[in-house]
Amino acid sequence: MSTVEDRWAIVEVCTRMAWHADQREWDLLKSVFADEVVLDYTSLNGGEPATLTPEQIVGAWSRVLGGFDATQHLITNHLVTVAGDTAVCTASFQATHRLANPFGSPLWTLGGTYRFDLVRAGDAWRISGVVMTATWADGNRDLMALAADAG
């Protein structure tokens, strides 16, 4: 694969993570991840990064994201660095979550950056790490708990 082909494949797999989650395509979502993935959502939730399998990630995300009426994760401004069979892609994101409820705003939106660590798996790229850094939020954060209870 050429550098340009690698870059497009990397941007594609990072975009697919958001697309498959928003479309509730859980089996396809598993395919974007390496066998082990370090997830770091500590900027939002505190705690420590976790090392998970694709099945564990999809199980957790399907319970929470599946509880929303709709989600939309937009990922843009990709910057890709390839070093042999590994790569890093940084990108900006905006994630909107919608859940109708009688006790507050039905929307929670946050924005920030993602850092994706990737590994080459044959002729494909897979995500081996995700660091989400939330830098702003607007709306009803309580929707996450309500969606988790509904999912």
Protein backbone atom coordinates (compact mmCIF):
# COMPACT_ATOMS: atom_id res chain seq x y z
CA MET A 1 0.00 0.00 0.00
CA SER A 2 1.26 3.48 -0.76
CA THR A 3 1.31 6.28 1.77
CA VAL A 4 -1.77 7.84 0.18
CA GLU A 5 -3.61 4.51 0.22
CA ASP A 6 -2.63 3.97 3.86
CA ARG A 7 -3.85 7.44 4.79
CA TRP A 8 -7.24 6.90 3.13
CA ALA A 9 -7.61 3.47 4.73
CA ILE A 10 -6.78 4.91 8.17
CA VAL A 11 -9.23 7.81 7.84
CA GLU A 12 -11.85 5.33 6.60
CA VAL A 13 -11.51 2.94 9.56
CA CYS A 14 -11.65 5.82 12.06
CA THR A 15 -14.76 7.19 10.34
CA ARG A 16 -16.32 3.72 10.31
CA MET A 17 -16.00 3.53 14.09
CA ALA A 18 -18.38 6.48 14.40
CA TRP A 19 -20.63 5.48 11.49
CA HIS A 20 -21.20 1.89 12.61
CA ALA A 21 -21.89 3.03 16.19
CA ASP A 22 -24.42 5.63 15.04
CA GLN A 23 -26.10 3.19 12.65
CA ARG A 24 -26.17 0.47 15.34
CA GLU A 25 -24.19 -1.84 13.04
CA TRP A 26 -22.61 -3.70 15.92
CA ASP A 27 -21.02 -6.58 13.99
CA LEU A 28 -19.42 -4.15 11.54
CA LEU A 29 -18.24 -2.00 14.44
CA LYS A 30 -16.27 -4.97 15.84
CA SER A 31 -14.35 -5.18 12.55
CA VAL A 32 -12.66 -1.78 12.96
CA PHE A 33 -10.82 -2.85 16.12
CA ALA A 34 -7.64 -4.84 16.74
CA ASP A 35 -7.83 -7.88 19.02
CA GLU A 36 -7.03 -5.67 22.04
CA VAL A 37 -7.87 -2.00 22.28
CA VAL A 38 -6.83 0.54 24.89
CA LEU A 39 -9.81 2.88 25.42
CA ASP A 40 -9.17 6.13 27.26
CA TYR A 41 -12.30 8.16 27.99
CA THR A 42 -10.86 9.50 31.25
CA SER A 43 -11.28 13.15 30.22
CA LEU A 44 -15.03 12.55 30.42
CA ASN A 45 -15.46 9.82 33.02
CA GLY A 46 -12.30 9.88 35.13
CA GLY A 47 -10.81 6.55 36.15
CA GLU A 48 -8.15 4.72 34.17
CA PRO A 49 -7.87 3.64 30.52
CA ALA A 50 -9.14 0.11 29.90
CA THR A 51 -7.80 -2.65 27.65
CA LEU A 52 -10.77 -4.38 26.01
CA THR A 53 -11.64 -6.78 23.22
CA PRO A 54 -13.85 -5.66 20.32
CA GLU A 55 -16.66 -7.77 21.81
CA GLN A 56 -16.39 -5.97 25.15
CA ILE A 57 -16.36 -2.55 23.48
CA VAL A 58 -19.37 -3.30 21.32
CA GLY A 59 -21.23 -4.86 24.24
CA ALA A 60 -20.79 -1.72 26.33
CA TRP A 61 -21.44 0.74 23.49
CA SER A 62 -24.52 -1.10 22.28
CA ARG A 63 -26.01 -0.93 25.79
CA VAL A 64 -25.41 2.81 26.19
CA LEU A 65 -25.63 4.15 22.62
CA GLY A 66 -28.45 1.72 21.84
CA GLY A 67 -30.50 3.39 24.58
CA PHE A 68 -30.54 6.72 22.73
CA ASP A 69 -33.16 7.67 20.17
CA ALA A 70 -30.26 8.71 17.91
CA THR A 71 -26.58 9.61 18.02
CA GLN A 72 -24.36 11.39 15.53
CA HIS A 73 -20.58 11.34 15.86
CA LEU A 74 -18.85 13.64 13.38
CA ILE A 75 -15.09 13.16 12.97
CA THR A 76 -13.05 15.59 10.89
CA ASN A 77 -9.67 17.31 10.42
CA HIS A 78 -7.81 13.99 10.34
CA LEU A 79 -4.03 14.18 10.68
CA VAL A 80 -2.33 10.87 9.91
CA THR A 81 1.22 9.72 10.65
CA VAL A 82 2.27 6.29 9.37
CA ALA A 83 5.36 4.51 10.69
CA GLY A 84 5.65 1.08 9.08
CA ASP A 85 2.86 -1.13 10.42
CA THR A 86 1.61 1.39 12.99
CA ALA A 87 -0.08 4.74 12.63
CA VAL A 88 -1.59 7.57 14.61
CA CYS A 89 -4.61 9.55 13.48
CA THR A 90 -5.74 12.62 15.38
CA ALA A 91 -9.07 14.22 14.59
CA SER A 92 -11.65 16.64 15.89
CA PHE A 93 -15.06 15.32 16.86
CA GLN A 94 -18.52 16.48 17.73
CA ALA A 95 -20.93 13.94 19.21
CA THR A 96 -24.64 14.61 19.60
CA HIS A 97 -26.85 12.27 21.62
CA ARG A 98 -30.66 12.49 21.52
CA LEU A 99 -33.09 10.97 23.98
CA ALA A 100 -36.58 12.31 24.53
CA ASN A 101 -37.31 12.69 28.23
CA PRO A 102 -39.78 14.71 30.31
CA PHE A 103 -37.18 16.16 32.71
CA GLY A 104 -34.80 18.22 30.63
CA SER A 105 -33.21 18.84 27.30
CA PRO A 106 -33.33 15.87 24.91
CA LEU A 107 -29.81 16.64 23.61
CA TRP A 108 -26.30 16.30 24.90
CA THR A 109 -23.47 17.35 22.61
CA LEU A 110 -19.78 17.30 23.27
CA GLY A 111 -16.71 18.08 21.27
CA GLY A 112 -13.00 17.60 21.41
CA THR A 113 -10.34 15.41 19.87
CA TYR A 114 -9.68 11.75 19.25
CA ARG A 115 -6.29 10.11 19.03
CA PHE A 116 -6.49 6.78 17.27
CA ASP A 117 -3.59 4.33 17.45
CA LEU A 118 -3.70 1.85 14.61
CA VAL A 119 -1.94 -1.34 13.54
CA ARG A 120 -1.74 -2.95 10.15
CA ALA A 121 -3.54 -6.30 10.05
CA GLY A 122 -2.73 -7.92 6.73
CA ASP A 123 -3.79 -5.39 4.15
CA ALA A 124 -6.18 -3.54 6.49
CA TRP A 125 -5.79 -1.09 9.36
CA ARG A 126 -7.36 -1.73 12.77
CA ILE A 127 -7.79 0.60 15.74
CA SER A 128 -5.68 -0.51 18.72
CA GLY A 129 -6.20 2.54 20.91
CA VAL A 130 -8.61 5.46 21.30
CA VAL A 131 -8.02 8.50 23.47
CA MET A 132 -11.05 10.78 23.57
CA THR A 133 -10.35 14.23 24.96
CA ALA A 134 -13.55 16.16 25.61
CA THR A 135 -12.96 19.91 25.54
CA TRP A 136 -16.55 21.19 25.67
CA ALA A 137 -20.11 20.01 26.21
CA ASP A 138 -23.58 21.46 25.98
CA GLY A 139 -26.97 20.16 27.03
CA ASN A 140 -28.15 17.40 29.30
CA ARG A 141 -25.31 15.12 30.45
CA ASP A 142 -27.82 13.09 32.49
CA LEU A 143 -28.93 11.52 29.19
CA MET A 144 -25.97 9.12 29.37
CA ALA A 145 -27.34 7.52 32.55
CA LEU A 146 -30.89 7.50 31.20
CA ALA A 147 -29.74 5.84 27.95
CA ALA A 148 -27.70 3.24 29.84
CA ASP A 149 -30.80 2.37 31.89
CA ALA A 150 -32.90 2.16 28.72
CA GLY A 151 -30.32 0.13 26.73
